[in-house]
Structures are given as structure tokens and as C-alpha cells.
């Protein structure tokens, strides 16, 4: 079931509008360090940050939040097994 939900989420994300930003070198380095430590993508960080900034973080569908938590837990578990 998770594969199906992930596939649906991937389709939704891929069909979403895109934009790009230029980051100062220091911010890019901090972002890279954060995603490596947290085991998440830059896209996820940017989406979360923008949602919080705009005050709509609670509008993220529950299934997406659950899937993201599962991914983060799996990444942390993998790190702790090393």
C-alpha cells in the first residue's frame, strides 16, 4: 500500500508547478548539511519552509505528512545501524 501511495504522491509532485531560486553560498552549504543530516530532500525543506512562512503548514495532506515521517524514520534507522 505504501508503494501505491508513494506513486500517487510522486505523480502529484511531478505535476506541480516549478520555480528556481539562487541561494547565497553560505545558505546553500547550510541547506546541504541539513538535508544530509536529516535524510530528506532539498525540495522537502523548501516546501516546508515556504508553507510555514505562508502560514499554511497545516494544509499539507495527512497522508503526505505520514509518508514523510516514515521516510525520515527509515533514514535515521539506516544511519543508526552503521
PDB file of N, CA and C in Angstrom:
ATOM      1  N   UNK A   1       0.819  -1.193   0.000  1.00  0.00           N
ATOM      2  CA  UNK A   1       0.000   0.000   0.000  1.00  0.00           C
ATOM      3  C   UNK A   1       0.865   1.261   0.000  1.00  0.00           C
ATOM      4  N   UNK A   2       1.984   1.250   0.712  1.00  0.00           N
ATOM      5  CA  UNK A   2       2.868   2.415   0.728  1.00  0.00           C
ATOM      6  C   UNK A   2       3.411   2.731  -0.648  1.00  0.00           C
ATOM      7  N   UNK A   3       3.677   1.700  -1.447  1.00  0.00           N
ATOM      8  CA  UNK A   3       4.191   1.925  -2.799  1.00  0.00           C
ATOM      9  C   UNK A   3       3.149   2.653  -3.630  1.00  0.00           C
ATOM     10  N   UNK A   4       1.893   2.249  -3.507  1.00  0.00           N
ATOM     11  CA  UNK A   4       0.821   2.909  -4.244  1.00  0.00           C
ATOM     12  C   UNK A   4       0.693   4.364  -3.812  1.00  0.00           C
ATOM     13  N   UNK A   5       0.702   4.604  -2.513  1.00  0.00           N
ATOM     14  CA  UNK A   5       0.584   5.971  -2.016  1.00  0.00           C
ATOM     15  C   UNK A   5       1.779   6.800  -2.453  1.00  0.00           C
ATOM     16  N   UNK A   6       2.977   6.198  -2.404  1.00  0.00           N
ATOM     17  CA  UNK A   6       4.168   6.913  -2.840  1.00  0.00           C
ATOM     18  C   UNK A   6       4.063   7.261  -4.317  1.00  0.00           C
ATOM     19  N   UNK A   7       3.559   6.320  -5.122  1.00  0.00           N
ATOM     20  CA  UNK A   7       3.408   6.567  -6.549  1.00  0.00           C
ATOM     21  C   UNK A   7       2.437   7.706  -6.802  1.00  0.00           C
ATOM     22  N   UNK A   8       1.339   7.728  -6.081  1.00  0.00           N
ATOM     23  CA  UNK A   8       0.371   8.811  -6.237  1.00  0.00           C
ATOM     24  C   UNK A   8       0.978  10.144  -5.820  1.00  0.00           C
ATOM     25  N   UNK A   9       1.733  10.137  -4.740  1.00  0.00           N
ATOM     26  CA  UNK A   9       2.384  11.355  -4.274  1.00  0.00           C
ATOM     27  C   UNK A   9       3.408  11.828  -5.287  1.00  0.00           C
ATOM     28  N   UNK A  10       4.171  10.916  -5.852  1.00  0.00           N
ATOM     29  CA  UNK A  10       5.179  11.263  -6.841  1.00  0.00           C
ATOM     30  C   UNK A  10       4.527  11.894  -8.067  1.00  0.00           C
ATOM     31  N   UNK A  11       3.413  11.339  -8.506  1.00  0.00           N
ATOM     32  CA  UNK A  11       2.694  11.903  -9.645  1.00  0.00           C
ATOM     33  C   UNK A  11       2.232  13.311  -9.315  1.00  0.00           C
ATOM     34  N   UNK A  12       1.706  13.504  -8.121  1.00  0.00           N
ATOM     35  CA  UNK A  12       1.235  14.826  -7.709  1.00  0.00           C
ATOM     36  C   UNK A  12       2.379  15.822  -7.685  1.00  0.00           C
ATOM     37  N   UNK A  13       3.513  15.417  -7.115  1.00  0.00           N
ATOM     38  CA  UNK A  13       4.660  16.318  -7.020  1.00  0.00           C
ATOM     39  C   UNK A  13       5.199  16.642  -8.408  1.00  0.00           C
ATOM     40  N   UNK A  14       5.283  15.654  -9.277  1.00  0.00           N
ATOM     41  CA  UNK A  14       5.841  15.887 -10.601  1.00  0.00           C
ATOM     42  C   UNK A  14       4.941  16.794 -11.434  1.00  0.00           C
ATOM     43  N   UNK A  15       3.635  16.794 -11.170  1.00  0.00           N
ATOM     44  CA  UNK A  15       2.714  17.620 -11.932  1.00  0.00           C
ATOM     45  C   UNK A  15       2.616  19.036 -11.357  1.00  0.00           C
ATOM     46  N   UNK A  16       3.285  19.288 -10.259  1.00  0.00           N
ATOM     47  CA  UNK A  16       3.212  20.585  -9.595  1.00  0.00           C
ATOM     48  C   UNK A  16       4.042  21.629 -10.342  1.00  0.00           C
ATOM     49  N   UNK A  17       3.666  22.905 -10.200  1.00  0.00           N
ATOM     50  CA  UNK A  17       4.472  23.970 -10.810  1.00  0.00           C
ATOM     51  C   UNK A  17       5.888  23.982 -10.227  1.00  0.00           C
ATOM     52  N   UNK A  18       6.824  24.454 -11.015  1.00  0.00           N
ATOM     53  CA  UNK A  18       8.217  24.542 -10.587  1.00  0.00           C
ATOM     54  C   UNK A  18       8.663  25.991 -10.533  1.00  0.00           C
ATOM     55  N   UNK A  19       9.663  26.238  -9.690  1.00  0.00           N
ATOM     56  CA  UNK A  19      10.345  27.526  -9.707  1.00  0.00           C
ATOM     57  C   UNK A  19      11.759  27.286  -9.206  1.00  0.00           C
ATOM     58  N   UNK A  20      12.626  28.212  -9.477  1.00  0.00           N
ATOM     59  CA  UNK A  20      14.000  28.070  -9.016  1.00  0.00           C
ATOM     60  C   UNK A  20      14.421  29.351  -8.315  1.00  0.00           C
ATOM     61  N   UNK A  21      15.396  29.194  -7.437  1.00  0.00           N
ATOM     62  CA  UNK A  21      15.921  30.342  -6.693  1.00  0.00           C
ATOM     63  C   UNK A  21      17.438  30.260  -6.680  1.00  0.00           C
ATOM     64  N   UNK A  22      18.053  31.404  -6.530  1.00  0.00           N
ATOM     65  CA  UNK A  22      19.502  31.459  -6.336  1.00  0.00           C
ATOM     66  C   UNK A  22      19.744  31.692  -4.855  1.00  0.00           C
ATOM     67  N   UNK A  23      20.614  30.873  -4.293  1.00  0.00           N
ATOM     68  CA  UNK A  23      20.926  30.963  -2.872  1.00  0.00           C
ATOM     69  C   UNK A  23      22.337  31.493  -2.674  1.00  0.00           C
ATOM     70  N   UNK A  24      22.525  32.282  -1.641  1.00  0.00           N
ATOM     71  CA  UNK A  24      23.902  32.644  -1.283  1.00  0.00           C
ATOM     72  C   UNK A  24      24.669  31.365  -0.924  1.00  0.00           C
ATOM     73  N   UNK A  25      25.959  31.355  -1.167  1.00  0.00           N
ATOM     74  CA  UNK A  25      26.796  30.180  -0.939  1.00  0.00           C
ATOM     75  C   UNK A  25      26.622  29.633   0.479  1.00  0.00           C
ATOM     76  N   UNK A  26      26.641  30.509   1.473  1.00  0.00           N
ATOM     77  CA  UNK A  26      26.532  30.066   2.868  1.00  0.00           C
ATOM     78  C   UNK A  26      25.199  29.366   3.130  1.00  0.00           C
ATOM     79  N   UNK A  27      24.115  29.897   2.591  1.00  0.00           N
ATOM     80  CA  UNK A  27      22.805  29.280   2.785  1.00  0.00           C
ATOM     81  C   UNK A  27      22.733  27.923   2.088  1.00  0.00           C
ATOM     82  N   UNK A  28      23.320  27.828   0.915  1.00  0.00           N
ATOM     83  CA  UNK A  28      23.357  26.558   0.193  1.00  0.00           C
ATOM     84  C   UNK A  28      24.142  25.510   0.985  1.00  0.00           C
ATOM     85  N   UNK A  29      25.253  25.909   1.572  1.00  0.00           N
ATOM     86  CA  UNK A  29      26.050  24.982   2.376  1.00  0.00           C
ATOM     87  C   UNK A  29      25.270  24.509   3.594  1.00  0.00           C
ATOM     88  N   UNK A  30      24.562  25.428   4.236  1.00  0.00           N
ATOM     89  CA  UNK A  30      23.755  25.052   5.403  1.00  0.00           C
ATOM     90  C   UNK A  30      22.611  24.132   5.003  1.00  0.00           C
ATOM     91  N   UNK A  31      21.994  24.407   3.855  1.00  0.00           N
ATOM     92  CA  UNK A  31      20.923  23.558   3.356  1.00  0.00           C
ATOM     93  C   UNK A  31      21.451  22.157   3.049  1.00  0.00           C
ATOM     94  N   UNK A  32      22.583  22.071   2.389  1.00  0.00           N
ATOM     95  CA  UNK A  32      23.184  20.767   2.080  1.00  0.00           C
ATOM     96  C   UNK A  32      23.502  19.976   3.340  1.00  0.00           C
ATOM     97  N   UNK A  33      24.050  20.638   4.342  1.00  0.00           N
ATOM     98  CA  UNK A  33      24.363  19.960   5.600  1.00  0.00           C
ATOM     99  C   UNK A  33      23.081  19.479   6.284  1.00  0.00           C
ATOM    100  N   UNK A  34      22.048  20.312   6.244  1.00  0.00           N
ATOM    101  CA  UNK A  34      20.787  19.945   6.897  1.00  0.00           C
ATOM    102  C   UNK A  34      20.137  18.735   6.230  1.00  0.00           C
ATOM    103  N   UNK A  35      20.057  18.735   4.906  1.00  0.00           N
ATOM    104  CA  UNK A  35      19.396  17.612   4.230  1.00  0.00           C
ATOM    105  C   UNK A  35      20.182  16.315   4.422  1.00  0.00           C
ATOM    106  N   UNK A  36      21.495  16.431   4.474  1.00  0.00           N
ATOM    107  CA  UNK A  36      22.312  15.241   4.710  1.00  0.00           C
ATOM    108  C   UNK A  36      22.059  14.699   6.116  1.00  0.00           C
ATOM    109  N   UNK A  37      22.019  15.585   7.098  1.00  0.00           N
ATOM    110  CA  UNK A  37      21.806  15.177   8.482  1.00  0.00           C
ATOM    111  C   UNK A  37      20.393  14.657   8.696  1.00  0.00           C
ATOM    112  N   UNK A  38      19.409  15.294   8.095  1.00  0.00           N
ATOM    113  CA  UNK A  38      18.007  14.936   8.309  1.00  0.00           C
ATOM    114  C   UNK A  38      17.531  13.796   7.408  1.00  0.00           C
ATOM    115  N   UNK A  39      18.276  13.525   6.346  1.00  0.00           N
ATOM    116  CA  UNK A  39      17.884  12.458   5.434  1.00  0.00           C
ATOM    117  C   UNK A  39      16.654  12.790   4.602  1.00  0.00           C
ATOM    118  N   UNK A  40      16.520  14.065   4.238  1.00  0.00           N
ATOM    119  CA  UNK A  40      15.391  14.499   3.415  1.00  0.00           C
ATOM    120  C   UNK A  40      15.914  15.276   2.213  1.00  0.00           C
ATOM    121  N   UNK A  41      15.018  15.620   1.313  1.00  0.00           N
ATOM    122  CA  UNK A  41      15.438  16.315   0.100  1.00  0.00           C
ATOM    123  C   UNK A  41      15.392  17.830   0.283  1.00  0.00           C
ATOM    124  N   UNK A  42      16.121  18.519  -0.586  1.00  0.00           N
ATOM    125  CA  UNK A  42      16.079  19.981  -0.589  1.00  0.00           C
ATOM    126  C   UNK A  42      14.664  20.460  -0.902  1.00  0.00           C
ATOM    127  N   UNK A  43      13.996  19.755  -1.807  1.00  0.00           N
ATOM    128  CA  UNK A  43      12.623  20.124  -2.162  1.00  0.00           C
ATOM    129  C   UNK A  43      11.735  20.089  -0.935  1.00  0.00           C
ATOM    130  N   UNK A  44      11.857  19.041  -0.132  1.00  0.00           N
ATOM    131  CA  UNK A  44      11.043  18.912   1.081  1.00  0.00           C
ATOM    132  C   UNK A  44      11.314  20.073   2.028  1.00  0.00           C
ATOM    133  N   UNK A  45      12.568  20.412   2.209  1.00  0.00           N
ATOM    134  CA  UNK A  45      12.923  21.524   3.105  1.00  0.00           C
ATOM    135  C   UNK A  45      12.315  22.820   2.590  1.00  0.00           C
ATOM    136  N   UNK A  46      12.449  23.064   1.295  1.00  0.00           N
ATOM    137  CA  UNK A  46      11.924  24.300   0.718  1.00  0.00           C
ATOM    138  C   UNK A  46      10.395  24.358   0.822  1.00  0.00           C
ATOM    139  N   UNK A  47       9.720  23.244   0.546  1.00  0.00           N
ATOM    140  CA  UNK A  47       8.255  23.218   0.651  1.00  0.00           C
ATOM    141  C   UNK A  47       7.803  23.473   2.082  1.00  0.00           C
ATOM    142  N   UNK A  48       8.455  22.814   3.028  1.00  0.00           N
ATOM    143  CA  UNK A  48       8.099  23.007   4.435  1.00  0.00           C
ATOM    144  C   UNK A  48       8.345  24.450   4.884  1.00  0.00           C
ATOM    145  N   UNK A  49       9.497  24.985   4.502  1.00  0.00           N
ATOM    146  CA  UNK A  49       9.830  26.350   4.896  1.00  0.00           C
ATOM    147  C   UNK A  49       8.830  27.352   4.320  1.00  0.00           C
ATOM    148  N   UNK A  50       8.488  27.167   3.062  1.00  0.00           N
ATOM    149  CA  UNK A  50       7.536  28.074   2.415  1.00  0.00           C
ATOM    150  C   UNK A  50       6.146  27.943   3.044  1.00  0.00           C
ATOM    151  N   UNK A  51       5.727  26.718   3.321  1.00  0.00           N
ATOM    152  CA  UNK A  51       4.422  26.506   3.951  1.00  0.00           C
ATOM    153  C   UNK A  51       4.367  27.162   5.329  1.00  0.00           C
ATOM    154  N   UNK A  52       5.452  27.021   6.102  1.00  0.00           N
ATOM    155  CA  UNK A  52       5.496  27.667   7.414  1.00  0.00           C
ATOM    156  C   UNK A  52       5.492  29.190   7.274  1.00  0.00           C
ATOM    157  N   UNK A  53       6.271  29.703   6.359  1.00  0.00           N
ATOM    158  CA  UNK A  53       6.354  31.148   6.147  1.00  0.00           C
ATOM    159  C   UNK A  53       5.004  31.730   5.753  1.00  0.00           C
ATOM    160  N   UNK A  54       4.280  31.013   4.920  1.00  0.00           N
ATOM    161  CA  UNK A  54       2.980  31.492   4.451  1.00  0.00           C
ATOM    162  C   UNK A  54       1.840  31.148   5.402  1.00  0.00           C
ATOM    163  N   UNK A  55       2.146  30.411   6.471  1.00  0.00           N
ATOM    164  CA  UNK A  55       1.133  30.080   7.456  1.00  0.00           C
ATOM    165  C   UNK A  55       0.163  28.997   7.024  1.00  0.00           C
ATOM    166  N   UNK A  56       0.591  28.133   6.127  1.00  0.00           N
ATOM    167  CA  UNK A  56      -0.316  27.081   5.652  1.00  0.00           C
ATOM    168  C   UNK A  56       0.277  25.690   5.841  1.00  0.00           C
ATOM    169  N   UNK A  57       1.153  25.524   6.814  1.00  0.00           N
ATOM    170  CA  UNK A  57       1.799  24.231   7.040  1.00  0.00           C
ATOM    171  C   UNK A  57       0.787  23.150   7.400  1.00  0.00           C
ATOM    172  N   UNK A  58      -0.309  23.525   8.037  1.00  0.00           N
ATOM    173  CA  UNK A  58      -1.321  22.543   8.426  1.00  0.00           C
ATOM    174  C   UNK A  58      -2.161  22.083   7.253  1.00  0.00           C
ATOM    175  N   UNK A  59      -2.029  22.724   6.102  1.00  0.00           N
ATOM    176  CA  UNK A  59      -2.803  22.345   4.923  1.00  0.00           C
ATOM    177  C   UNK A  59      -2.216  21.152   4.175  1.00  0.00           C
ATOM    178  N   UNK A  60      -1.023  20.707   4.573  1.00  0.00           N
ATOM    179  CA  UNK A  60      -0.395  19.562   3.913  1.00  0.00           C
ATOM    180  C   UNK A  60      -1.221  18.327   4.243  1.00  0.00           C
ATOM    181  N   UNK A  61      -1.601  17.552   3.227  1.00  0.00           N
ATOM    182  CA  UNK A  61      -2.428  16.370   3.486  1.00  0.00           C
ATOM    183  C   UNK A  61      -1.765  15.423   4.484  1.00  0.00           C
ATOM    184  N   UNK A  62      -2.583  14.820   5.325  1.00  0.00           N
ATOM    185  CA  UNK A  62      -2.087  13.918   6.361  1.00  0.00           C
ATOM    186  C   UNK A  62      -1.283  12.768   5.769  1.00  0.00           C
ATOM    187  N   UNK A  63      -1.738  12.198   4.670  1.00  0.00           N
ATOM    188  CA  UNK A  63      -1.024  11.064   4.085  1.00  0.00           C
ATOM    189  C   UNK A  63       0.389  11.471   3.679  1.00  0.00           C
ATOM    190  N   UNK A  64       0.554  12.682   3.199  1.00  0.00           N
ATOM    191  CA  UNK A  64       1.896  13.144   2.814  1.00  0.00           C
ATOM    192  C   UNK A  64       2.770  13.291   4.050  1.00  0.00           C
ATOM    193  N   UNK A  65       2.215  13.852   5.126  1.00  0.00           N
ATOM    194  CA  UNK A  65       2.989  14.009   6.351  1.00  0.00           C
ATOM    195  C   UNK A  65       3.403  12.655   6.915  1.00  0.00           C
ATOM    196  N   UNK A  66       2.499  11.678   6.875  1.00  0.00           N
ATOM    197  CA  UNK A  66       2.817  10.339   7.374  1.00  0.00           C
ATOM    198  C   UNK A  66       3.914   9.713   6.527  1.00  0.00           C
ATOM    199  N   UNK A  67       3.796   9.819   5.215  1.00  0.00           N
ATOM    200  CA  UNK A  67       4.813   9.249   4.328  1.00  0.00           C
ATOM    201  C   UNK A  67       6.175   9.882   4.571  1.00  0.00           C
ATOM    202  N   UNK A  68       6.197  11.175   4.780  1.00  0.00           N
ATOM    203  CA  UNK A  68       7.460  11.867   5.014  1.00  0.00           C
ATOM    204  C   UNK A  68       8.079  11.428   6.341  1.00  0.00           C
ATOM    205  N   UNK A  69       7.248  11.247   7.350  1.00  0.00           N
ATOM    206  CA  UNK A  69       7.758  10.770   8.636  1.00  0.00           C
ATOM    207  C   UNK A  69       8.313   9.355   8.508  1.00  0.00           C
ATOM    208  N   UNK A  70       7.639   8.507   7.746  1.00  0.00           N
ATOM    209  CA  UNK A  70       8.142   7.154   7.524  1.00  0.00           C
ATOM    210  C   UNK A  70       9.495   7.185   6.822  1.00  0.00           C
ATOM    211  N   UNK A  71       9.637   8.054   5.837  1.00  0.00           N
ATOM    212  CA  UNK A  71      10.908   8.167   5.121  1.00  0.00           C
ATOM    213  C   UNK A  71      12.018   8.642   6.053  1.00  0.00           C
ATOM    214  N   UNK A  72      11.708   9.619   6.880  1.00  0.00           N
ATOM    215  CA  UNK A  72      12.718  10.143   7.804  1.00  0.00           C
ATOM    216  C   UNK A  72      13.122   9.092   8.824  1.00  0.00           C
ATOM    217  N   UNK A  73      12.140   8.327   9.328  1.00  0.00           N
ATOM    218  CA  UNK A  73      12.449   7.272  10.297  1.00  0.00           C
ATOM    219  C   UNK A  73      13.332   6.205   9.662  1.00  0.00           C
ATOM    220  N   UNK A  74      13.029   5.834   8.426  1.00  0.00           N
ATOM    221  CA  UNK A  74      13.839   4.826   7.735  1.00  0.00           C
ATOM    222  C   UNK A  74      15.269   5.330   7.550  1.00  0.00           C
ATOM    223  N   UNK A  75      15.431   6.594   7.203  1.00  0.00           N
ATOM    224  CA  UNK A  75      16.773   7.158   7.030  1.00  0.00           C
ATOM    225  C   UNK A  75      17.527   7.181   8.352  1.00  0.00           C
ATOM    226  N   UNK A  76      16.859   7.559   9.425  1.00  0.00           N
ATOM    227  CA  UNK A  76      17.507   7.583  10.745  1.00  0.00           C
ATOM    228  C   UNK A  76      17.862   6.182  11.207  1.00  0.00           C
ATOM    229  N   UNK A  77      16.976   5.216  10.964  1.00  0.00           N
ATOM    230  CA  UNK A  77      17.257   3.835  11.333  1.00  0.00           C
ATOM    231  C   UNK A  77      18.467   3.312  10.564  1.00  0.00           C
ATOM    232  N   UNK A  78      18.548   3.656   9.292  1.00  0.00           N
ATOM    233  CA  UNK A  78      19.668   3.210   8.464  1.00  0.00           C
ATOM    234  C   UNK A  78      20.980   3.806   9.003  1.00  0.00           C
ATOM    235  N   UNK A  79      20.933   5.072   9.411  1.00  0.00           N
ATOM    236  CA  UNK A  79      22.139   5.713   9.959  1.00  0.00           C
ATOM    237  C   UNK A  79      22.559   5.073  11.273  1.00  0.00           C
ATOM    238  N   UNK A  80      21.571   4.723  12.112  1.00  0.00           N
ATOM    239  CA  UNK A  80      21.903   4.161  13.421  1.00  0.00           C
ATOM    240  C   UNK A  80      22.440   2.739  13.324  1.00  0.00           C
ATOM    241  N   UNK A  81      22.169   2.048  12.209  1.00  0.00           N
ATOM    242  CA  UNK A  81      22.660   0.694  12.023  1.00  0.00           C
ATOM    243  C   UNK A  81      24.114   0.667  11.556  1.00  0.00           C
ATOM    244  N   UNK A  82      24.631   1.789  11.114  1.00  0.00           N
ATOM    245  CA  UNK A  82      26.017   1.848  10.619  1.00  0.00           C
ATOM    246  C   UNK A  82      27.014   1.810  11.726  1.00  0.00           C
TER     247      UNK A  82
END
